[in-house]
Amino acid sequence: MLEGVKRALTRLAGSIKEKLETKEVSEEDVREALEGVEYELIDANVAYDVVERLAEELVKRAAGTRIPRGRSVEEYVKELLASSMTSLFSAGATDLAEAAASKCAKGAPYVVVFFGVNGVGKTTTIAKVAYLLKSRGISSVIAAADTFRAGAQEQLRRHAEAIGVPFIGASYGADPASVAYDAIQFARSRGLCAVLIDTAGRMHVDKDLMDELRKVVRVSKPDLKVLVVDALTGNDAVEQARQFNEGVGIDGIIVTKVDADEKGGVLVSVSAVTGKPILYIGTGQRYEDLERLRPEEFVRNLLS
């Protein structure tokens, strides 16, 4: 898992270590160490502009440095790399359970709208979030505002039944915004703490889709707008993140299928290009396979 990024960072650390062992490191030394490694990072699905940002961060932090007395070179280099990599992740990730509980205590449901193209695992992810909330004692309702794709409602309904949470749907071709509105009213009338709204997942360059999603947002006034992307789609996931953020605006990202990702660059890139935090990562097929992403811990594991 994530071996592509790990290999590139290991090579980069070794190159900087060699230079630091003998002298004070210059900007030229850092850029020389990055040569070749940049292509490895790009091959590991780190977006080109994100690789450039990492290079600038490393130059800023490493150039002109010497090893402090009593420190090992390897340890010092790992710290330089860790701080540079961590800076690429946007901070401020929301804990959905805490946020929902807090708003529910004030007498209103916490509304989350999920975006993402077909096939990224959005429906399963919504079910995982509902399961997470239920495991923390927080009630929710799942709303199927994707009235476009055949089978979308049935799939989501089955998940809701399996988890044991209410489901709100509509006939195909119905107004998605009205489904979202009905689900919020349902939650209010029954004192439910969270509303999880699925939306249509046509291509991210589809203007009609973006117009539809903006209408859902206007009507539902969500507390959180979440984009779901698939780690295995590489640079396409990064482009989806750009387009959805520009087209409708997102507050956070969930990356699916991380357990099967041999490269790892998507995790770094989608947060860096949007300036939005990764809220959770999908690590398996079970409902409980949804984990918080903590950038410092993630980067530390990459460099271990």
C-alpha atoms as a PDB file:
ATOM      1  CA  MET A   1       0.000   0.000   0.000  1.00  0.00           C
ATOM      2  CA  LEU A   2       1.320   3.457  -1.013  1.00  0.00           C
ATOM      3  CA  GLU A   3       4.691   1.947  -2.001  1.00  0.00           C
ATOM      4  CA  GLY A   4       5.265   4.383  -4.883  1.00  0.00           C
ATOM      5  CA  VAL A   5       5.440   7.476  -2.675  1.00  0.00           C
ATOM      6  CA  LYS A   6       7.387   5.575  -0.004  1.00  0.00           C
ATOM      7  CA  ARG A   7      10.094   4.540  -2.486  1.00  0.00           C
ATOM      8  CA  ALA A   8      10.453   8.067  -3.867  1.00  0.00           C
ATOM      9  CA  LEU A   9      10.721   9.634  -0.408  1.00  0.00           C
ATOM     10  CA  THR A  10      13.247   7.021   0.744  1.00  0.00           C
ATOM     11  CA  ARG A  11      15.439   7.797  -2.249  1.00  0.00           C
ATOM     12  CA  LEU A  12      15.104  11.535  -1.679  1.00  0.00           C
ATOM     13  CA  ALA A  13      16.002  11.181   2.009  1.00  0.00           C
ATOM     14  CA  GLY A  14      19.102   9.178   1.098  1.00  0.00           C
ATOM     15  CA  SER A  15      20.240  11.788  -1.410  1.00  0.00           C
ATOM     16  CA  ILE A  16      19.862  14.706   1.034  1.00  0.00           C
ATOM     17  CA  LYS A  17      21.506  12.652   3.793  1.00  0.00           C
ATOM     18  CA  GLU A  18      24.645  12.189   1.687  1.00  0.00           C
ATOM     19  CA  LYS A  19      25.009  15.922   1.234  1.00  0.00           C
ATOM     20  CA  LEU A  20      24.275  16.845   4.844  1.00  0.00           C
ATOM     21  CA  GLU A  21      26.902  14.429   6.123  1.00  0.00           C
ATOM     22  CA  THR A  22      29.720  16.425   4.559  1.00  0.00           C
ATOM     23  CA  LYS A  23      28.672  20.087   4.393  1.00  0.00           C
ATOM     24  CA  GLU A  24      26.045  22.780   4.760  1.00  0.00           C
ATOM     25  CA  VAL A  25      23.322  22.137   2.198  1.00  0.00           C
ATOM     26  CA  SER A  26      22.752  24.710  -0.541  1.00  0.00           C
ATOM     27  CA  GLU A  27      19.644  25.320  -2.622  1.00  0.00           C
ATOM     28  CA  GLU A  28      21.467  23.730  -5.540  1.00  0.00           C
ATOM     29  CA  ASP A  29      22.103  20.599  -3.450  1.00  0.00           C
ATOM     30  CA  VAL A  30      18.416  20.269  -2.611  1.00  0.00           C
ATOM     31  CA  ARG A  31      17.316  20.689  -6.222  1.00  0.00           C
ATOM     32  CA  GLU A  32      19.965  18.188  -7.326  1.00  0.00           C
ATOM     33  CA  ALA A  33      18.648  15.694  -4.771  1.00  0.00           C
ATOM     34  CA  LEU A  34      15.148  16.176  -6.185  1.00  0.00           C
ATOM     35  CA  GLU A  35      16.197  15.376  -9.765  1.00  0.00           C
ATOM     36  CA  GLY A  36      14.763  12.044 -10.798  1.00  0.00           C
ATOM     37  CA  VAL A  37      12.791  11.744  -7.567  1.00  0.00           C
ATOM     38  CA  GLU A  38      10.327  14.306  -8.955  1.00  0.00           C
ATOM     39  CA  TYR A  39       9.468  11.901 -11.769  1.00  0.00           C
ATOM     40  CA  GLU A  40       9.067   9.034  -9.305  1.00  0.00           C
ATOM     41  CA  LEU A  41       6.623  11.130  -7.282  1.00  0.00           C
ATOM     42  CA  ILE A  42       4.665  12.057 -10.414  1.00  0.00           C
ATOM     43  CA  ASP A  43       4.605   8.368 -11.386  1.00  0.00           C
ATOM     44  CA  ALA A  44       3.190   7.689  -7.895  1.00  0.00           C
ATOM     45  CA  ASN A  45       0.242  10.001  -8.757  1.00  0.00           C
ATOM     46  CA  VAL A  46       1.500  13.113  -6.994  1.00  0.00           C
ATOM     47  CA  ALA A  47       0.299  15.997  -9.187  1.00  0.00           C
ATOM     48  CA  TYR A  48       3.042  17.947 -10.957  1.00  0.00           C
ATOM     49  CA  ASP A  49       2.236  21.262  -9.281  1.00  0.00           C
ATOM     50  CA  VAL A  50       2.197  19.510  -5.894  1.00  0.00           C
ATOM     51  CA  VAL A  51       5.670  18.079  -6.576  1.00  0.00           C
ATOM     52  CA  GLU A  52       6.799  21.624  -7.349  1.00  0.00           C
ATOM     53  CA  ARG A  53       5.354  22.833  -4.031  1.00  0.00           C
ATOM     54  CA  LEU A  54       7.159  20.039  -2.191  1.00  0.00           C
ATOM     55  CA  ALA A  55      10.402  21.080  -3.883  1.00  0.00           C
ATOM     56  CA  GLU A  56       9.929  24.701  -2.806  1.00  0.00           C
ATOM     57  CA  GLU A  57       9.149  23.636   0.759  1.00  0.00           C
ATOM     58  CA  LEU A  58      12.259  21.473   0.894  1.00  0.00           C
ATOM     59  CA  VAL A  59      14.451  24.257  -0.484  1.00  0.00           C
ATOM     60  CA  LYS A  60      13.023  26.677   2.094  1.00  0.00           C
ATOM     61  CA  ARG A  61      13.523  24.288   5.016  1.00  0.00           C
ATOM     62  CA  ALA A  62      16.738  22.479   4.043  1.00  0.00           C
ATOM     63  CA  ALA A  63      18.919  25.014   2.226  1.00  0.00           C
ATOM     64  CA  GLY A  64      21.595  26.481   4.475  1.00  0.00           C
ATOM     65  CA  THR A  65      21.178  23.850   7.188  1.00  0.00           C
ATOM     66  CA  ARG A  66      23.749  21.797   9.052  1.00  0.00           C
ATOM     67  CA  ILE A  67      23.092  18.861  11.325  1.00  0.00           C
ATOM     68  CA  PRO A  68      22.604  20.051  14.919  1.00  0.00           C
ATOM     69  CA  ARG A  69      25.168  18.593  17.284  1.00  0.00           C
ATOM     70  CA  GLY A  70      24.081  15.286  18.761  1.00  0.00           C
ATOM     71  CA  ARG A  71      21.505  14.544  16.033  1.00  0.00           C
ATOM     72  CA  SER A  72      21.749  11.679  13.544  1.00  0.00           C
ATOM     73  CA  VAL A  73      21.718  12.680   9.890  1.00  0.00           C
ATOM     74  CA  GLU A  74      18.979  10.180   9.064  1.00  0.00           C
ATOM     75  CA  GLU A  75      16.715  11.456  11.838  1.00  0.00           C
ATOM     76  CA  TYR A  76      17.250  15.073  10.830  1.00  0.00           C
ATOM     77  CA  VAL A  77      16.534  14.415   7.145  1.00  0.00           C
ATOM     78  CA  LYS A  78      13.332  12.548   7.987  1.00  0.00           C
ATOM     79  CA  GLU A  79      12.167  15.527  10.045  1.00  0.00           C
ATOM     80  CA  LEU A  80      12.870  17.895   7.144  1.00  0.00           C
ATOM     81  CA  LEU A  81      10.938  15.693   4.755  1.00  0.00           C
ATOM     82  CA  ALA A  82       8.100  15.120   7.213  1.00  0.00           C
ATOM     83  CA  SER A  83       7.552  18.823   7.852  1.00  0.00           C
ATOM     84  CA  SER A  84       7.666  19.574   4.111  1.00  0.00           C
ATOM     85  CA  MET A  85       5.209  16.787   3.235  1.00  0.00           C
ATOM     86  CA  THR A  86       2.813  17.605   6.081  1.00  0.00           C
ATOM     87  CA  SER A  87       2.640  21.220   4.919  1.00  0.00           C
ATOM     88  CA  LEU A  88       0.978  19.994   1.701  1.00  0.00           C
ATOM     89  CA  PHE A  89      -2.081  18.749   3.596  1.00  0.00           C
ATOM     90  CA  SER A  90      -4.815  21.178   4.505  1.00  0.00           C
ATOM     91  CA  ALA A  91      -5.560  21.216   8.225  1.00  0.00           C
ATOM     92  CA  GLY A  92      -8.888  21.549  10.006  1.00  0.00           C
ATOM     93  CA  ALA A  93     -10.552  18.219   9.216  1.00  0.00           C
ATOM     94  CA  THR A  94     -14.037  17.929  10.689  1.00  0.00           C
ATOM     95  CA  ASP A  95     -14.938  15.056  12.992  1.00  0.00           C
ATOM     96  CA  LEU A  96     -18.401  14.332  11.600  1.00  0.00           C
ATOM     97  CA  ALA A  97     -19.659  12.654  14.757  1.00  0.00           C
ATOM     98  CA  GLU A  98     -18.587  15.534  17.003  1.00  0.00           C
ATOM     99  CA  ALA A  99     -19.983  18.146  14.615  1.00  0.00           C
ATOM    100  CA  ALA A 100     -23.327  16.352  14.287  1.00  0.00           C
ATOM    101  CA  ALA A 101     -23.651  15.861  18.047  1.00  0.00           C
ATOM    102  CA  SER A 102     -22.856  19.518  18.687  1.00  0.00           C
ATOM    103  CA  LYS A 103     -25.463  20.851  16.250  1.00  0.00           C
ATOM    104  CA  CYS A 104     -28.041  18.280  17.358  1.00  0.00           C
ATOM    105  CA  ALA A 105     -27.660  19.520  20.936  1.00  0.00           C
ATOM    106  CA  LYS A 106     -28.843  22.906  19.652  1.00  0.00           C
ATOM    107  CA  GLY A 107     -31.990  21.359  18.182  1.00  0.00           C
ATOM    108  CA  ALA A 108     -31.112  21.123  14.484  1.00  0.00           C
ATOM    109  CA  PRO A 109     -29.815  18.330  12.231  1.00  0.00           C
ATOM    110  CA  TYR A 110     -26.291  18.410  10.810  1.00  0.00           C
ATOM    111  CA  VAL A 111     -26.598  18.303   7.006  1.00  0.00           C
ATOM    112  CA  VAL A 112     -23.919  16.694   4.836  1.00  0.00           C
ATOM    113  CA  VAL A 113     -24.053  16.631   1.028  1.00  0.00           C
ATOM    114  CA  PHE A 114     -21.840  14.125  -0.792  1.00  0.00           C
ATOM    115  CA  PHE A 115     -20.468  14.691  -4.303  1.00  0.00           C
ATOM    116  CA  GLY A 116     -18.476  12.402  -6.593  1.00  0.00           C
ATOM    117  CA  VAL A 117     -18.565  10.766 -10.018  1.00  0.00           C
ATOM    118  CA  ASN A 118     -20.077   7.325 -10.541  1.00  0.00           C
ATOM    119  CA  GLY A 119     -17.865   4.425  -9.540  1.00  0.00           C
ATOM    120  CA  VAL A 120     -15.776   6.076  -6.829  1.00  0.00           C
ATOM    121  CA  GLY A 121     -17.610   4.327  -3.986  1.00  0.00           C
ATOM    122  CA  LYS A 122     -19.778   7.257  -2.908  1.00  0.00           C
ATOM    123  CA  THR A 123     -22.839   5.190  -2.013  1.00  0.00           C
ATOM    124  CA  THR A 124     -20.820   2.787   0.129  1.00  0.00           C
ATOM    125  CA  THR A 125     -19.010   5.705   1.741  1.00  0.00           C
ATOM    126  CA  ILE A 126     -22.297   7.336   2.770  1.00  0.00           C
ATOM    127  CA  ALA A 127     -23.306   4.020   4.342  1.00  0.00           C
ATOM    128  CA  LYS A 128     -19.966   3.902   6.177  1.00  0.00           C
ATOM    129  CA  VAL A 129     -20.528   7.415   7.525  1.00  0.00           C
ATOM    130  CA  ALA A 130     -24.022   6.446   8.708  1.00  0.00           C
ATOM    131  CA  TYR A 131     -22.533   3.388  10.412  1.00  0.00           C
ATOM    132  CA  LEU A 132     -19.811   5.535  12.019  1.00  0.00           C
ATOM    133  CA  LEU A 133     -22.400   7.967  13.370  1.00  0.00           C
ATOM    134  CA  LYS A 134     -24.604   5.160  14.689  1.00  0.00           C
ATOM    135  CA  SER A 135     -21.617   3.539  16.416  1.00  0.00           C
ATOM    136  CA  ARG A 136     -21.056   6.857  18.204  1.00  0.00           C
ATOM    137  CA  GLY A 137     -24.719   7.020  19.280  1.00  0.00           C
ATOM    138  CA  ILE A 138     -25.730   9.624  16.684  1.00  0.00           C
ATOM    139  CA  SER A 139     -28.942   9.160  14.697  1.00  0.00           C
ATOM    140  CA  SER A 140     -29.119   9.931  10.979  1.00  0.00           C
ATOM    141  CA  VAL A 141     -31.235   9.630   7.849  1.00  0.00           C
ATOM    142  CA  ILE A 142     -29.896   8.773   4.390  1.00  0.00           C
ATOM    143  CA  ALA A 143     -31.379  10.696   1.448  1.00  0.00           C
ATOM    144  CA  ALA A 144     -31.092   9.475  -2.152  1.00  0.00           C
ATOM    145  CA  ALA A 145     -31.040  12.715  -4.134  1.00  0.00           C
ATOM    146  CA  ASP A 146     -29.518  10.899  -7.099  1.00  0.00           C
ATOM    147  CA  THR A 147     -32.702  10.520  -9.127  1.00  0.00           C
ATOM    148  CA  PHE A 148     -30.752  10.063 -12.360  1.00  0.00           C
ATOM    149  CA  ARG A 149     -28.834   6.766 -12.199  1.00  0.00           C
ATOM    150  CA  ALA A 150     -30.750   3.502 -12.484  1.00  0.00           C
ATOM    151  CA  GLY A 151     -30.355   1.476  -9.315  1.00  0.00           C
ATOM    152  CA  ALA A 152     -28.929   4.289  -7.199  1.00  0.00           C
ATOM    153  CA  GLN A 153     -31.953   4.505  -4.907  1.00  0.00           C
ATOM    154  CA  GLU A 154     -32.227   0.745  -4.426  1.00  0.00           C
ATOM    155  CA  GLN A 155     -28.539   0.417  -3.630  1.00  0.00           C
ATOM    156  CA  LEU A 156     -28.656   3.147  -1.005  1.00  0.00           C
ATOM    157  CA  ARG A 157     -31.916   1.826   0.452  1.00  0.00           C
ATOM    158  CA  ARG A 158     -30.326  -1.611   0.966  1.00  0.00           C
ATOM    159  CA  HIS A 159     -27.419  -0.023   2.843  1.00  0.00           C
ATOM    160  CA  ALA A 160     -29.804   1.975   5.041  1.00  0.00           C
ATOM    161  CA  GLU A 161     -31.771  -1.151   5.892  1.00  0.00           C
ATOM    162  CA  ALA A 162     -28.601  -3.115   6.661  1.00  0.00           C
ATOM    163  CA  ILE A 163     -27.348  -0.410   9.019  1.00  0.00           C
ATOM    164  CA  GLY A 164     -30.764   0.279  10.503  1.00  0.00           C
ATOM    165  CA  VAL A 165     -31.215   3.955   9.657  1.00  0.00           C
ATOM    166  CA  PRO A 166     -34.171   5.698   7.922  1.00  0.00           C
ATOM    167  CA  PHE A 167     -34.114   6.246   4.168  1.00  0.00           C
ATOM    168  CA  ILE A 168     -35.723   8.989   2.071  1.00  0.00           C
ATOM    169  CA  GLY A 169     -36.009   8.507  -1.686  1.00  0.00           C
ATOM    170  CA  ALA A 170     -38.140   9.568  -4.646  1.00  0.00           C
ATOM    171  CA  SER A 171     -39.202   8.405  -8.061  1.00  0.00           C
ATOM    172  CA  TYR A 172     -36.673   8.588 -10.877  1.00  0.00           C
ATOM    173  CA  GLY A 173     -36.640  11.963 -12.560  1.00  0.00           C
ATOM    174  CA  ALA A 174     -37.824  13.767  -9.406  1.00  0.00           C
ATOM    175  CA  ASP A 175     -36.194  17.036  -8.378  1.00  0.00           C
ATOM    176  CA  PRO A 176     -33.063  16.118  -6.338  1.00  0.00           C
ATOM    177  CA  ALA A 177     -33.326  19.325  -4.297  1.00  0.00           C
ATOM    178  CA  SER A 178     -36.825  18.358  -3.167  1.00  0.00           C
ATOM    179  CA  VAL A 179     -35.512  15.007  -1.910  1.00  0.00           C
ATOM    180  CA  ALA A 180     -32.879  16.826   0.129  1.00  0.00           C
ATOM    181  CA  TYR A 181     -35.500  19.204   1.519  1.00  0.00           C
ATOM    182  CA  ASP A 182     -37.838  16.332   2.471  1.00  0.00           C
ATOM    183  CA  ALA A 183     -35.019  14.502   4.261  1.00  0.00           C
ATOM    184  CA  ILE A 184     -34.141  17.575   6.319  1.00  0.00           C
ATOM    185  CA  GLN A 185     -37.781  18.077   7.306  1.00  0.00           C
ATOM    186  CA  PHE A 186     -38.000  14.375   8.199  1.00  0.00           C
ATOM    187  CA  ALA A 187     -34.939  14.704  10.452  1.00  0.00           C
ATOM    188  CA  ARG A 188     -36.321  17.826  12.133  1.00  0.00           C
ATOM    189  CA  SER A 189     -39.705  16.234  12.827  1.00  0.00           C
ATOM    190  CA  ARG A 190     -38.144  13.131  14.385  1.00  0.00           C
ATOM    191  CA  GLY A 191     -35.233  14.733  16.193  1.00  0.00           C
ATOM    192  CA  LEU A 192     -32.564  12.987  14.101  1.00  0.00           C
ATOM    193  CA  CYS A 193     -29.064  14.404  14.389  1.00  0.00           C
ATOM    194  CA  ALA A 194     -27.670  14.077  10.859  1.00  0.00           C
ATOM    195  CA  VAL A 195     -28.879  14.127   7.249  1.00  0.00           C
ATOM    196  CA  LEU A 196     -26.626  12.372   4.719  1.00  0.00           C
ATOM    197  CA  ILE A 197     -27.524  13.382   1.152  1.00  0.00           C
ATOM    198  CA  ASP A 198     -26.356  11.435  -1.889  1.00  0.00           C
ATOM    199  CA  THR A 199     -26.205  13.304  -5.220  1.00  0.00           C
ATOM    200  CA  ALA A 200     -25.902  12.338  -8.869  1.00  0.00           C
ATOM    201  CA  GLY A 201     -22.465  11.336 -10.103  1.00  0.00           C
ATOM    202  CA  ARG A 202     -22.254  12.126 -13.784  1.00  0.00           C
ATOM    203  CA  MET A 203     -18.950  13.385 -15.151  1.00  0.00           C
ATOM    204  CA  HIS A 204     -17.420  16.292 -13.248  1.00  0.00           C
ATOM    205  CA  VAL A 205     -17.226  18.347 -16.454  1.00  0.00           C
ATOM    206  CA  ASP A 206     -21.001  18.082 -16.919  1.00  0.00           C
ATOM    207  CA  LYS A 207     -22.430  21.628 -16.661  1.00  0.00           C
ATOM    208  CA  ASP A 208     -25.977  20.357 -16.062  1.00  0.00           C
ATOM    209  CA  LEU A 209     -24.740  18.273 -13.134  1.00  0.00           C
ATOM    210  CA  MET A 210     -22.991  21.239 -11.552  1.00  0.00           C
ATOM    211  CA  ASP A 211     -26.144  23.341 -11.922  1.00  0.00           C
ATOM    212  CA  GLU A 212     -28.150  20.554 -10.284  1.00  0.00           C
ATOM    213  CA  LEU A 213     -25.674  20.241  -7.405  1.00  0.00           C
ATOM    214  CA  ARG A 214     -25.650  23.988  -6.802  1.00  0.00           C
ATOM    215  CA  LYS A 215     -29.460  23.876  -6.520  1.00  0.00           C
ATOM    216  CA  VAL A 216     -29.250  21.032  -3.963  1.00  0.00           C
ATOM    217  CA  VAL A 217     -26.782  23.130  -1.970  1.00  0.00           C
ATOM    218  CA  ARG A 218     -28.995  26.247  -2.128  1.00  0.00           C
ATOM    219  CA  VAL A 219     -32.009  24.300  -0.861  1.00  0.00           C
ATOM    220  CA  SER A 220     -30.306  22.140   1.769  1.00  0.00           C
ATOM    221  CA  LYS A 221     -27.820  24.744   3.096  1.00  0.00           C
ATOM    222  CA  PRO A 222     -25.436  21.966   4.169  1.00  0.00           C
ATOM    223  CA  ASP A 223     -23.082  22.229   7.115  1.00  0.00           C
ATOM    224  CA  LEU A 224     -20.533  20.187   5.170  1.00  0.00           C
ATOM    225  CA  LYS A 225     -19.959  19.476   1.478  1.00  0.00           C
ATOM    226  CA  VAL A 226     -17.914  16.316   0.983  1.00  0.00           C
ATOM    227  CA  LEU A 227     -16.252  15.104  -2.214  1.00  0.00           C
ATOM    228  CA  VAL A 228     -15.615  11.358  -2.546  1.00  0.00           C
ATOM    229  CA  VAL A 229     -12.741  10.288  -4.822  1.00  0.00           C
ATOM    230  CA  ASP A 230     -11.174   6.932  -5.655  1.00  0.00           C
ATOM    231  CA  ALA A 231      -7.455   6.553  -4.847  1.00  0.00           C
ATOM    232  CA  LEU A 232      -7.027   4.111  -7.736  1.00  0.00           C
ATOM    233  CA  THR A 233      -8.021   6.655 -10.409  1.00  0.00           C
ATOM    234  CA  GLY A 234      -4.807   8.633  -9.972  1.00  0.00           C
ATOM    235  CA  ASN A 235      -4.617  12.007 -11.641  1.00  0.00           C
ATOM    236  CA  ASP A 236      -8.287  11.835 -12.629  1.00  0.00           C
ATOM    237  CA  ALA A 237      -9.159  11.998  -8.924  1.00  0.00           C
ATOM    238  CA  VAL A 238      -7.052  15.148  -8.662  1.00  0.00           C
ATOM    239  CA  GLU A 239      -8.848  16.696 -11.647  1.00  0.00           C
ATOM    240  CA  GLN A 240     -12.224  15.764 -10.155  1.00  0.00           C
ATOM    241  CA  ALA A 241     -11.208  17.511  -6.934  1.00  0.00           C
ATOM    242  CA  ARG A 242     -10.278  20.668  -8.845  1.00  0.00           C
ATOM    243  CA  GLN A 243     -13.490  20.687 -10.899  1.00  0.00           C
ATOM    244  CA  PHE A 244     -15.906  20.017  -8.031  1.00  0.00           C
ATOM    245  CA  ASN A 245     -14.181  22.559  -5.817  1.00  0.00           C
ATOM    246  CA  GLU A 246     -14.412  25.207  -8.541  1.00  0.00           C
ATOM    247  CA  GLY A 247     -17.899  24.195  -9.690  1.00  0.00           C
ATOM    248  CA  VAL A 248     -19.805  23.775  -6.441  1.00  0.00           C
ATOM    249  CA  GLY A 249     -17.308  24.204  -3.605  1.00  0.00           C
ATOM    250  CA  ILE A 250     -16.241  21.484  -1.188  1.00  0.00           C
ATOM    251  CA  ASP A 251     -15.326  21.515   2.509  1.00  0.00           C
ATOM    252  CA  GLY A 252     -13.558  18.186   2.773  1.00  0.00           C
ATOM    253  CA  ILE A 253     -12.641  14.977   0.949  1.00  0.00           C
ATOM    254  CA  ILE A 254     -13.025  11.252   1.550  1.00  0.00           C
ATOM    255  CA  VAL A 255     -10.621   9.031  -0.396  1.00  0.00           C
ATOM    256  CA  THR A 256     -11.809   5.478  -1.052  1.00  0.00           C
ATOM    257  CA  LYS A 257      -9.927   2.223  -1.828  1.00  0.00           C
ATOM    258  CA  VAL A 258      -6.750   3.386  -0.095  1.00  0.00           C
ATOM    259  CA  ASP A 259      -6.102  -0.197   1.005  1.00  0.00           C
ATOM    260  CA  ALA A 260      -5.613  -1.190  -2.661  1.00  0.00           C
ATOM    261  CA  ASP A 261      -3.556   1.868  -3.666  1.00  0.00           C
ATOM    262  CA  GLU A 262       0.044   0.929  -4.468  1.00  0.00           C
ATOM    263  CA  LYS A 263       1.124   4.484  -5.279  1.00  0.00           C
ATOM    264  CA  GLY A 264      -0.273   6.888  -2.680  1.00  0.00           C
ATOM    265  CA  GLY A 265       0.020  10.197  -4.495  1.00  0.00           C
ATOM    266  CA  VAL A 266      -3.713  10.910  -4.642  1.00  0.00           C
ATOM    267  CA  LEU A 267      -3.888  11.355  -0.868  1.00  0.00           C
ATOM    268  CA  VAL A 268      -1.252  14.079  -1.000  1.00  0.00           C
ATOM    269  CA  SER A 269      -2.508  15.738  -4.168  1.00  0.00           C
ATOM    270  CA  VAL A 270      -6.262  16.133  -3.649  1.00  0.00           C
ATOM    271  CA  SER A 271      -5.776  18.028  -0.404  1.00  0.00           C
ATOM    272  CA  ALA A 272      -2.958  20.167  -1.777  1.00  0.00           C
ATOM    273  CA  VAL A 273      -4.728  21.227  -5.001  1.00  0.00           C
ATOM    274  CA  THR A 274      -8.017  22.135  -3.297  1.00  0.00           C
ATOM    275  CA  GLY A 275      -6.741  23.460   0.025  1.00  0.00           C
ATOM    276  CA  LYS A 276      -9.348  21.219   1.705  1.00  0.00           C
ATOM    277  CA  PRO A 277      -8.690  18.535   4.324  1.00  0.00           C
ATOM    278  CA  ILE A 278      -9.077  14.806   3.852  1.00  0.00           C
ATOM    279  CA  LEU A 279     -11.701  13.834   6.399  1.00  0.00           C
ATOM    280  CA  TYR A 280     -11.564  10.050   6.138  1.00  0.00           C
ATOM    281  CA  ILE A 281     -10.048   7.269   4.058  1.00  0.00           C
ATOM    282  CA  GLY A 282     -11.743   4.037   3.000  1.00  0.00           C
ATOM    283  CA  THR A 283      -9.640   1.006   3.925  1.00  0.00           C
ATOM    284  CA  GLY A 284     -11.864  -1.955   3.046  1.00  0.00           C
ATOM    285  CA  GLN A 285     -15.320  -3.202   2.113  1.00  0.00           C
ATOM    286  CA  ARG A 286     -16.870  -3.404   5.593  1.00  0.00           C
ATOM    287  CA  TYR A 287     -18.953  -0.595   7.050  1.00  0.00           C
ATOM    288  CA  GLU A 288     -16.368  -0.078   9.793  1.00  0.00           C
ATOM    289  CA  ASP A 289     -13.522   0.389   7.277  1.00  0.00           C
ATOM    290  CA  LEU A 290     -13.487   4.174   7.422  1.00  0.00           C
ATOM    291  CA  GLU A 291     -10.612   5.916   9.200  1.00  0.00           C
ATOM    292  CA  ARG A 292      -9.688   9.489  10.085  1.00  0.00           C
ATOM    293  CA  LEU A 293      -6.635  10.726   8.207  1.00  0.00           C
ATOM    294  CA  ARG A 294      -4.094  12.413  10.465  1.00  0.00           C
ATOM    295  CA  PRO A 295      -1.481  13.995   8.159  1.00  0.00           C
ATOM    296  CA  GLU A 296       1.417  13.900  10.646  1.00  0.00           C
ATOM    297  CA  GLU A 297       0.857  10.219  11.365  1.00  0.00           C
ATOM    298  CA  PHE A 298       0.339   9.422   7.670  1.00  0.00           C
ATOM    299  CA  VAL A 299       3.595  11.138   6.658  1.00  0.00           C
ATOM    300  CA  ARG A 300       5.475   9.515   9.544  1.00  0.00           C
ATOM    301  CA  ASN A 301       4.339   6.101   8.289  1.00  0.00           C
ATOM    302  CA  LEU A 302       5.471   6.942   4.753  1.00  0.00           C
ATOM    303  CA  LEU A 303       8.946   7.749   6.066  1.00  0.00           C
ATOM    304  CA  SER A 304       9.205   4.856   8.515  1.00  0.00           C
END
